[in-house]
Every structure is written in structure tokens, then in C-alpha cells.
Amino acid sequence: MTTQANANNNEKAKGLGKFLRGVRSELKKVNWPNRAEIKNHTGVVIIATLMAVVLLWILDSVFGFGLNLLI
């Protein structure tokens, strides 16, 4: 039973090593953004988030006002 467990552990270790080599290989293919692109995309995300917050706040206020009129 011990030799089977050792063989199983060796197979798992080999599989893990193969997986990590594959991950490293794929990460080398990634086109990473430069600093200017990151700043630009971050700005776009912040502005879009703020616009969504303002829109939801306006809709909440309008529906809240309408609900208060009904009650």
C-alpha cells in the first residue's frame, strides 16, 4: 500500500510541475498593459462607476418620492 501511495504522490507532483510550467508558458504570451493604459482604464472604470451611482441615486429618489405620494 505504501508503494502505491508513493507512486500516486509522485504522479501528483509531476502533474503539478507540468501544470505550473504550462501556466508560466501562457503568462509569457499575455500582452500586459503599460502604465499609461492602466491609468486610462482605471479612470474609465472610476467615471463609469460614479455615473452608475449617480443614476441609481436619482432613480431611487424618484421612486421613493413616488412611493411617498402613494402612501
PDB file of N, CA and C in Angstrom:
ATOM      1  N   MET A   1       0.826  -1.185   0.000  1.00  0.00           N
ATOM      2  CA  MET A   1       0.000   0.000   0.000  1.00  0.00           C
ATOM      3  C   MET A   1       0.873   1.252   0.000  1.00  0.00           C
ATOM      4  N   THR A   2       2.011   1.207   0.685  1.00  0.00           N
ATOM      5  CA  THR A   2       2.886   2.369   0.777  1.00  0.00           C
ATOM      6  C   THR A   2       3.495   2.708  -0.579  1.00  0.00           C
ATOM      7  N   THR A   3       3.901   1.704  -1.353  1.00  0.00           N
ATOM      8  CA  THR A   3       4.495   1.979  -2.660  1.00  0.00           C
ATOM      9  C   THR A   3       3.466   2.578  -3.608  1.00  0.00           C
ATOM     10  N   GLN A   4       2.222   2.148  -3.487  1.00  0.00           N
ATOM     11  CA  GLN A   4       1.164   2.716  -4.328  1.00  0.00           C
ATOM     12  C   GLN A   4       0.930   4.179  -3.944  1.00  0.00           C
ATOM     13  N   ALA A   5       0.954   4.498  -2.652  1.00  0.00           N
ATOM     14  CA  ALA A   5       0.767   5.868  -2.195  1.00  0.00           C
ATOM     15  C   ALA A   5       1.926   6.740  -2.662  1.00  0.00           C
ATOM     16  N   ASN A   6       3.170   6.218  -2.594  1.00  0.00           N
ATOM     17  CA  ASN A   6       4.328   6.976  -3.067  1.00  0.00           C
ATOM     18  C   ASN A   6       4.248   7.224  -4.562  1.00  0.00           C
ATOM     19  N   ALA A   7       3.822   6.220  -5.321  1.00  0.00           N
ATOM     20  CA  ALA A   7       3.680   6.376  -6.769  1.00  0.00           C
ATOM     21  C   ALA A   7       2.620   7.415  -7.088  1.00  0.00           C
ATOM     22  N   ASN A   8       1.541   7.380  -6.323  1.00  0.00           N
ATOM     23  CA  ASN A   8       0.456   8.340  -6.523  1.00  0.00           C
ATOM     24  C   ASN A   8       0.943   9.760  -6.226  1.00  0.00           C
ATOM     25  N   ASN A   9       1.735   9.929  -5.153  1.00  0.00           N
ATOM     26  CA  ASN A   9       2.276  11.238  -4.809  1.00  0.00           C
ATOM     27  C   ASN A   9       3.239  11.739  -5.881  1.00  0.00           C
ATOM     28  N   ASN A  10       4.055  10.824  -6.428  1.00  0.00           N
ATOM     29  CA  ASN A  10       4.982  11.209  -7.492  1.00  0.00           C
ATOM     30  C   ASN A  10       4.234  11.667  -8.742  1.00  0.00           C
ATOM     31  N   GLU A  11       3.134  10.971  -9.075  1.00  0.00           N
ATOM     32  CA  GLU A  11       2.323  11.363 -10.233  1.00  0.00           C
ATOM     33  C   GLU A  11       1.703  12.734 -10.013  1.00  0.00           C
ATOM     34  N   LYS A  12       1.233  12.995  -8.798  1.00  0.00           N
ATOM     35  CA  LYS A  12       0.640  14.297  -8.488  1.00  0.00           C
ATOM     36  C   LYS A  12       1.690  15.398  -8.582  1.00  0.00           C
ATOM     37  N   ALA A  13       2.890  15.121  -8.086  1.00  0.00           N
ATOM     38  CA  ALA A  13       3.964  16.110  -8.142  1.00  0.00           C
ATOM     39  C   ALA A  13       4.348  16.402  -9.581  1.00  0.00           C
ATOM     40  N   LYS A  14       4.433  15.364 -10.408  1.00  0.00           N
ATOM     41  CA  LYS A  14       4.751  15.560 -11.821  1.00  0.00           C
ATOM     42  C   LYS A  14       3.643  16.340 -12.515  1.00  0.00           C
ATOM     43  N   GLY A  15       2.402  16.017 -12.189  1.00  0.00           N
ATOM     44  CA  GLY A  15       1.258  16.731 -12.779  1.00  0.00           C
ATOM     45  C   GLY A  15       1.247  18.198 -12.376  1.00  0.00           C
ATOM     46  N   LEU A  16       1.578  18.459 -11.116  1.00  0.00           N
ATOM     47  CA  LEU A  16       1.623  19.841 -10.637  1.00  0.00           C
ATOM     48  C   LEU A  16       2.729  20.614 -11.335  1.00  0.00           C
ATOM     49  N   GLY A  17       3.896  19.984 -11.478  1.00  0.00           N
ATOM     50  CA  GLY A  17       5.012  20.632 -12.165  1.00  0.00           C
ATOM     51  C   GLY A  17       4.667  20.935 -13.613  1.00  0.00           C
ATOM     52  N   LYS A  18       4.010  20.001 -14.284  1.00  0.00           N
ATOM     53  CA  LYS A  18       3.600  20.201 -15.676  1.00  0.00           C
ATOM     54  C   LYS A  18       2.591  21.345 -15.770  1.00  0.00           C
ATOM     55  N   PHE A  19       1.655  21.368 -14.834  1.00  0.00           N
ATOM     56  CA  PHE A  19       0.655  22.433 -14.808  1.00  0.00           C
ATOM     57  C   PHE A  19       1.318  23.791 -14.627  1.00  0.00           C
ATOM     58  N   LEU A  20       2.251  23.901 -13.678  1.00  0.00           N
ATOM     59  CA  LEU A  20       2.911  25.181 -13.415  1.00  0.00           C
ATOM     60  C   LEU A  20       3.771  25.628 -14.599  1.00  0.00           C
ATOM     61  N   ARG A  21       4.404  24.685 -15.287  1.00  0.00           N
ATOM     62  CA  ARG A  21       5.166  25.041 -16.492  1.00  0.00           C
ATOM     63  C   ARG A  21       4.231  25.570 -17.566  1.00  0.00           C
ATOM     64  N   GLY A  22       3.063  24.969 -17.694  1.00  0.00           N
ATOM     65  CA  GLY A  22       2.065  25.432 -18.658  1.00  0.00           C
ATOM     66  C   GLY A  22       1.565  26.826 -18.320  1.00  0.00           C
ATOM     67  N   VAL A  23       1.334  27.067 -17.035  1.00  0.00           N
ATOM     68  CA  VAL A  23       0.880  28.393 -16.601  1.00  0.00           C
ATOM     69  C   VAL A  23       1.932  29.438 -16.927  1.00  0.00           C
ATOM     70  N   ARG A  24       3.181  29.126 -16.630  1.00  0.00           N
ATOM     71  CA  ARG A  24       4.270  30.076 -16.906  1.00  0.00           C
ATOM     72  C   ARG A  24       4.375  30.356 -18.405  1.00  0.00           C
ATOM     73  N   SER A  25       4.231  29.317 -19.207  1.00  0.00           N
ATOM     74  CA  SER A  25       4.291  29.471 -20.656  1.00  0.00           C
ATOM     75  C   SER A  25       3.166  30.374 -21.158  1.00  0.00           C
ATOM     76  N   GLU A  26       1.968  30.183 -20.639  1.00  0.00           N
ATOM     77  CA  GLU A  26       0.832  31.004 -21.070  1.00  0.00           C
ATOM     78  C   GLU A  26       0.971  32.452 -20.610  1.00  0.00           C
ATOM     79  N   LEU A  27       1.515  32.660 -19.409  1.00  0.00           N
ATOM     80  CA  LEU A  27       1.682  34.025 -18.911  1.00  0.00           C
ATOM     81  C   LEU A  27       2.698  34.813 -19.737  1.00  0.00           C
ATOM     82  N   LYS A  28       3.633  34.115 -20.360  1.00  0.00           N
ATOM     83  CA  LYS A  28       4.587  34.794 -21.233  1.00  0.00           C
ATOM     84  C   LYS A  28       3.914  35.316 -22.502  1.00  0.00           C
ATOM     85  N   LYS A  29       2.785  34.724 -22.875  1.00  0.00           N
ATOM     86  CA  LYS A  29       2.066  35.121 -24.083  1.00  0.00           C
ATOM     87  C   LYS A  29       1.125  36.311 -23.851  1.00  0.00           C
ATOM     88  N   VAL A  30       0.892  36.652 -22.599  1.00  0.00           N
ATOM     89  CA  VAL A  30      -0.060  37.719 -22.269  1.00  0.00           C
ATOM     90  C   VAL A  30       0.509  39.068 -22.683  1.00  0.00           C
ATOM     91  N   ASN A  31      -0.328  39.883 -23.301  1.00  0.00           N
ATOM     92  CA  ASN A  31       0.056  41.241 -23.671  1.00  0.00           C
ATOM     93  C   ASN A  31      -0.303  42.149 -22.496  1.00  0.00           C
ATOM     94  N   TRP A  32       0.659  42.391 -21.605  1.00  0.00           N
ATOM     95  CA  TRP A  32       0.413  43.150 -20.401  1.00  0.00           C
ATOM     96  C   TRP A  32       0.302  44.631 -20.729  1.00  0.00           C
ATOM     97  N   PRO A  33      -0.641  45.360 -20.120  1.00  0.00           N
ATOM     98  CA  PRO A  33      -0.779  46.801 -20.389  1.00  0.00           C
ATOM     99  C   PRO A  33       0.363  47.586 -19.748  1.00  0.00           C
ATOM    100  N   ASN A  34       0.681  48.726 -20.366  1.00  0.00           N
ATOM    101  CA  ASN A  34       1.705  49.577 -19.771  1.00  0.00           C
ATOM    102  C   ASN A  34       1.058  50.516 -18.753  1.00  0.00           C
ATOM    103  N   ARG A  35       1.875  51.328 -18.107  1.00  0.00           N
ATOM    104  CA  ARG A  35       1.389  52.188 -17.024  1.00  0.00           C
ATOM    105  C   ARG A  35       0.332  53.180 -17.518  1.00  0.00           C
ATOM    106  N   ALA A  36       0.521  53.745 -18.702  1.00  0.00           N
ATOM    107  CA  ALA A  36      -0.436  54.720 -19.238  1.00  0.00           C
ATOM    108  C   ALA A  36      -1.797  54.061 -19.504  1.00  0.00           C
ATOM    109  N   GLU A  37      -1.782  52.845 -20.042  1.00  0.00           N
ATOM    110  CA  GLU A  37      -3.039  52.145 -20.298  1.00  0.00           C
ATOM    111  C   GLU A  37      -3.758  51.818 -18.992  1.00  0.00           C
ATOM    112  N   ILE A  38      -3.003  51.431 -17.984  1.00  0.00           N
ATOM    113  CA  ILE A  38      -3.625  51.115 -16.694  1.00  0.00           C
ATOM    114  C   ILE A  38      -4.287  52.360 -16.103  1.00  0.00           C
ATOM    115  N   LYS A  39      -3.597  53.500 -16.162  1.00  0.00           N
ATOM    116  CA  LYS A  39      -4.174  54.747 -15.650  1.00  0.00           C
ATOM    117  C   LYS A  39      -5.433  55.110 -16.422  1.00  0.00           C
ATOM    118  N   ASN A  40      -5.386  54.975 -17.750  1.00  0.00           N
ATOM    119  CA  ASN A  40      -6.540  55.304 -18.579  1.00  0.00           C
ATOM    120  C   ASN A  40      -7.728  54.401 -18.246  1.00  0.00           C
ATOM    121  N   HIS A  41      -7.499  53.106 -18.181  1.00  0.00           N
ATOM    122  CA  HIS A  41      -8.583  52.167 -17.884  1.00  0.00           C
ATOM    123  C   HIS A  41      -9.132  52.368 -16.476  1.00  0.00           C
ATOM    124  N   THR A  42      -8.258  52.676 -15.533  1.00  0.00           N
ATOM    125  CA  THR A  42      -8.707  52.935 -14.164  1.00  0.00           C
ATOM    126  C   THR A  42      -9.611  54.163 -14.134  1.00  0.00           C
ATOM    127  N   GLY A  43      -9.227  55.199 -14.857  1.00  0.00           N
ATOM    128  CA  GLY A  43     -10.060  56.403 -14.925  1.00  0.00           C
ATOM    129  C   GLY A  43     -11.421  56.116 -15.529  1.00  0.00           C
ATOM    130  N   VAL A  44     -11.444  55.325 -16.586  1.00  0.00           N
ATOM    131  CA  VAL A  44     -12.715  54.966 -17.228  1.00  0.00           C
ATOM    132  C   VAL A  44     -13.603  54.200 -16.257  1.00  0.00           C
ATOM    133  N   VAL A  45     -13.031  53.268 -15.506  1.00  0.00           N
ATOM    134  CA  VAL A  45     -13.814  52.470 -14.549  1.00  0.00           C
ATOM    135  C   VAL A  45     -14.359  53.363 -13.437  1.00  0.00           C
ATOM    136  N   ILE A  46     -13.544  54.270 -12.928  1.00  0.00           N
ATOM    137  CA  ILE A  46     -13.999  55.160 -11.854  1.00  0.00           C
ATOM    138  C   ILE A  46     -15.122  56.062 -12.350  1.00  0.00           C
ATOM    139  N   ILE A  47     -14.977  56.638 -13.535  1.00  0.00           N
ATOM    140  CA  ILE A  47     -16.012  57.523 -14.080  1.00  0.00           C
ATOM    141  C   ILE A  47     -17.299  56.751 -14.337  1.00  0.00           C
ATOM    142  N   ALA A  48     -17.196  55.550 -14.919  1.00  0.00           N
ATOM    143  CA  ALA A  48     -18.396  54.735 -15.176  1.00  0.00           C
ATOM    144  C   ALA A  48     -19.083  54.357 -13.874  1.00  0.00           C
ATOM    145  N   THR A  49     -18.313  54.045 -12.851  1.00  0.00           N
ATOM    146  CA  THR A  49     -18.889  53.692 -11.554  1.00  0.00           C
ATOM    147  C   THR A  49     -19.611  54.885 -10.940  1.00  0.00           C
ATOM    148  N   LEU A  50     -18.980  56.047 -10.995  1.00  0.00           N
ATOM    149  CA  LEU A  50     -19.621  57.250 -10.455  1.00  0.00           C
ATOM    150  C   LEU A  50     -20.910  57.584 -11.209  1.00  0.00           C
ATOM    151  N   MET A  51     -20.897  57.424 -12.529  1.00  0.00           N
ATOM    152  CA  MET A  51     -22.111  57.679 -13.313  1.00  0.00           C
ATOM    153  C   MET A  51     -23.224  56.708 -12.923  1.00  0.00           C
ATOM    154  N   ALA A  52     -22.876  55.445 -12.716  1.00  0.00           N
ATOM    155  CA  ALA A  52     -23.874  54.455 -12.305  1.00  0.00           C
ATOM    156  C   ALA A  52     -24.431  54.784 -10.920  1.00  0.00           C
ATOM    157  N   VAL A  53     -23.561  55.228 -10.016  1.00  0.00           N
ATOM    158  CA  VAL A  53     -24.001  55.585  -8.664  1.00  0.00           C
ATOM    159  C   VAL A  53     -24.967  56.763  -8.724  1.00  0.00           C
ATOM    160  N   VAL A  54     -24.629  57.772  -9.499  1.00  0.00           N
ATOM    161  CA  VAL A  54     -25.495  58.951  -9.608  1.00  0.00           C
ATOM    162  C   VAL A  54     -26.838  58.562 -10.228  1.00  0.00           C
ATOM    163  N   LEU A  55     -26.810  57.758 -11.291  1.00  0.00           N
ATOM    164  CA  LEU A  55     -28.057  57.325 -11.925  1.00  0.00           C
ATOM    165  C   LEU A  55     -28.921  56.537 -10.946  1.00  0.00           C
ATOM    166  N   LEU A  56     -28.327  55.614 -10.216  1.00  0.00           N
ATOM    167  CA  LEU A  56     -29.106  54.833  -9.250  1.00  0.00           C
ATOM    168  C   LEU A  56     -29.640  55.705  -8.115  1.00  0.00           C
ATOM    169  N   TRP A  57     -28.851  56.697  -7.687  1.00  0.00           N
ATOM    170  CA  TRP A  57     -29.315  57.596  -6.645  1.00  0.00           C
ATOM    171  C   TRP A  57     -30.521  58.412  -7.137  1.00  0.00           C
ATOM    172  N   ILE A  58     -30.458  58.878  -8.384  1.00  0.00           N
ATOM    173  CA  ILE A  58     -31.577  59.639  -8.945  1.00  0.00           C
ATOM    174  C   ILE A  58     -32.817  58.757  -9.056  1.00  0.00           C
ATOM    175  N   LEU A  59     -32.651  57.552  -9.590  1.00  0.00           N
ATOM    176  CA  LEU A  59     -33.798  56.643  -9.709  1.00  0.00           C
ATOM    177  C   LEU A  59     -34.380  56.294  -8.341  1.00  0.00           C
ATOM    178  N   ASP A  60     -33.540  56.085  -7.358  1.00  0.00           N
ATOM    179  CA  ASP A  60     -34.013  55.773  -6.010  1.00  0.00           C
ATOM    180  C   ASP A  60     -34.804  56.944  -5.433  1.00  0.00           C
ATOM    181  N   SER A  61     -34.308  58.139  -5.669  1.00  0.00           N
ATOM    182  CA  SER A  61     -35.006  59.334  -5.162  1.00  0.00           C
ATOM    183  C   SER A  61     -36.354  59.502  -5.835  1.00  0.00           C
ATOM    184  N   VAL A  62     -36.401  59.314  -7.146  1.00  0.00           N
ATOM    185  CA  VAL A  62     -37.663  59.471  -7.889  1.00  0.00           C
ATOM    186  C   VAL A  62     -38.678  58.428  -7.446  1.00  0.00           C
ATOM    187  N   PHE A  63     -38.240  57.161  -7.382  1.00  0.00           N
ATOM    188  CA  PHE A  63     -39.173  56.116  -6.960  1.00  0.00           C
ATOM    189  C   PHE A  63     -39.584  56.265  -5.502  1.00  0.00           C
ATOM    190  N   GLY A  64     -38.671  56.715  -4.658  1.00  0.00           N
ATOM    191  CA  GLY A  64     -39.004  56.966  -3.256  1.00  0.00           C
ATOM    192  C   GLY A  64     -40.027  58.093  -3.136  1.00  0.00           C
ATOM    193  N   PHE A  65     -39.843  59.152  -3.912  1.00  0.00           N
ATOM    194  CA  PHE A  65     -40.795  60.257  -3.898  1.00  0.00           C
ATOM    195  C   PHE A  65     -42.166  59.778  -4.384  1.00  0.00           C
ATOM    196  N   GLY A  66     -42.188  59.006  -5.465  1.00  0.00           N
ATOM    197  CA  GLY A  66     -43.447  58.458  -5.998  1.00  0.00           C
ATOM    198  C   GLY A  66     -44.129  57.542  -4.999  1.00  0.00           C
ATOM    199  N   LEU A  67     -43.368  56.742  -4.290  1.00  0.00           N
ATOM    200  CA  LEU A  67     -43.934  55.846  -3.284  1.00  0.00           C
ATOM    201  C   LEU A  67     -44.513  56.630  -2.120  1.00  0.00           C
ATOM    202  N   ASN A  68     -43.839  57.722  -1.722  1.00  0.00           N
ATOM    203  CA  ASN A  68     -44.359  58.553  -0.643  1.00  0.00           C
ATOM    204  C   ASN A  68     -45.667  59.226  -1.052  1.00  0.00           C
ATOM    205  N   LEU A  69     -45.816  59.570  -2.326  1.00  0.00           N
ATOM    206  CA  LEU A  69     -47.069  60.149  -2.796  1.00  0.00           C
ATOM    207  C   LEU A  69     -48.208  59.134  -2.723  1.00  0.00           C
ATOM    208  N   LEU A  70     -47.908  57.870  -3.022  1.00  0.00           N
ATOM    209  CA  LEU A  70     -48.935  56.835  -2.967  1.00  0.00           C
ATOM    210  C   LEU A  70     -49.344  56.501  -1.534  1.00  0.00           C
ATOM    211  N   ILE A  71     -48.407  56.603  -0.637  1.00  0.00           N
ATOM    212  CA  ILE A  71     -48.701  56.251   0.754  1.00  0.00           C
ATOM    213  C   ILE A  71     -49.268  57.452   1.408  1.00  0.00           C
TER     214      ILE A  71
END
